Protein backbone atom coordinates (compact mmCIF):
# COMPACT_ATOMS: atom_id res chain seq x y z
CA MET A 1 -30.34 12.65 -4.04
CA VAL A 2 -28.14 13.87 -6.93
CA ILE A 3 -29.14 13.08 -10.51
CA ARG A 4 -26.31 13.06 -12.94
CA LYS A 5 -26.92 13.02 -16.75
CA SER A 6 -24.32 11.36 -18.92
CA VAL A 7 -22.72 13.91 -21.01
CA PRO A 8 -21.11 12.87 -24.44
CA VAL A 9 -17.15 12.97 -24.34
CA SER A 10 -15.83 15.67 -26.50
CA GLY A 11 -19.46 16.63 -27.90
CA CYS A 12 -19.58 13.46 -29.61
CA SER A 13 -22.98 11.75 -29.31
CA ARG A 14 -22.12 8.36 -30.48
CA PRO A 15 -20.63 5.78 -28.03
CA ARG A 16 -16.95 5.55 -27.85
CA ARG A 17 -15.32 2.24 -28.36
CA HIS A 18 -11.87 1.13 -26.48
CA PRO A 19 -9.21 0.38 -29.04
CA VAL A 20 -7.94 -2.41 -27.01
CA THR A 21 -11.30 -3.97 -26.38
CA THR A 22 -12.53 -4.13 -29.72
CA GLU A 23 -11.04 -6.75 -32.13
CA PRO A 24 -9.62 -5.61 -35.19
CA GLU A 25 -9.60 -7.48 -38.30
CA TYR A 26 -6.12 -8.58 -39.11
CA THR A 27 -4.65 -9.58 -42.50
CA ASP A 28 -3.13 -13.08 -42.78
CA GLU A 29 0.42 -11.98 -42.67
CA GLU A 30 -0.46 -9.82 -39.34
CA PHE A 31 -2.22 -13.12 -37.88
CA ALA A 32 0.74 -15.09 -38.87
CA PHE A 33 3.08 -12.54 -36.99
CA LEU A 34 0.87 -12.56 -33.94
CA LYS A 35 0.77 -16.25 -33.82
CA ALA A 36 4.61 -16.67 -33.89
CA ILE A 37 4.92 -13.96 -31.27
CA ASP A 38 2.66 -15.86 -28.89
CA ARG A 39 4.44 -18.82 -29.72
CA TYR A 40 7.84 -17.55 -28.95
CA LYS A 41 6.32 -15.99 -25.74
CA HIS A 42 5.16 -19.45 -24.78
CA LEU A 43 8.40 -21.25 -25.59
CA ALA A 44 10.68 -18.88 -24.02
CA GLY A 45 8.55 -18.30 -21.04
CA ARG A 46 8.54 -14.61 -21.25
CA PRO A 47 5.34 -12.41 -21.38
CA TRP A 48 7.12 -9.45 -22.80
CA PRO A 49 9.68 -10.19 -25.56
CA SER A 50 12.21 -7.49 -26.13
CA TRP A 51 12.48 -5.63 -29.49
CA VAL A 52 15.68 -7.89 -30.38
CA GLU A 53 13.46 -11.10 -29.62
CA VAL A 54 10.59 -9.68 -31.93
CA LEU A 55 13.08 -8.95 -34.65
CA ALA A 56 14.38 -12.36 -34.38
CA VAL A 57 10.82 -13.89 -34.62
CA ALA A 58 10.19 -11.62 -37.76
CA HIS A 59 13.66 -13.13 -39.24
CA ALA A 60 12.71 -16.60 -38.36
CA LEU A 61 9.44 -16.09 -40.38
CA GLY A 62 11.36 -15.08 -43.49
CA TYR A 63 11.33 -11.27 -43.27
CA ARG A 64 14.51 -9.62 -44.53
CA LYS A 65 15.48 -6.18 -45.31
CA CYS A 66 15.59 -5.69 -48.95
CA ALA A 67 14.87 -2.08 -49.91
CA PRO A 68 16.47 1.15 -48.33
CA ALA A 69 14.88 2.81 -45.19
CA SER A 70 12.00 5.17 -45.91
CA PRO A 71 10.33 7.56 -43.61
CA LEU A 72 7.59 6.12 -41.33
CA PRO A 73 3.90 6.62 -42.35
CA ARG A 74 2.03 8.72 -39.96
CA PHE A 75 -1.09 7.03 -38.74
CA GLU A 76 -4.33 9.00 -37.53
CA ARG A 77 -4.54 8.82 -33.77
CA GLY A 78 -6.77 5.94 -32.57
CA ALA A 79 -6.90 4.44 -36.00
CA ALA A 80 -5.95 0.58 -35.95
CA GLY A 81 -6.08 -2.44 -38.33
CA PRO A 82 -5.90 -2.82 -42.20
CA GLY A 83 -8.22 0.14 -42.92
CA ARG A 84 -6.20 2.63 -40.91
CA LYS A 85 -5.89 6.03 -42.41
CA MET A 86 -2.58 7.68 -43.18
CA ARG A 87 -1.81 11.67 -42.82
CA PRO A 88 -0.31 13.34 -45.69
């Protein structure tokens, strides 16, 4: 009989949570967007809308480009939700 001990991943002793299975806390704006995407998927009968369709949903919610483009922020790997940390 072989007895195996559980070894922490990467030397970390705390349990790791899977980012998809833990429910993040969304802002009201994020939640409204997610609901609109879900409604679109239901009405269009498409489980995976294209990026053009996602932009159409955002446009329908009233989003418009009103400022010049800026560099995208670099988020730390594994961070999600409103409290995510940005790298300098």
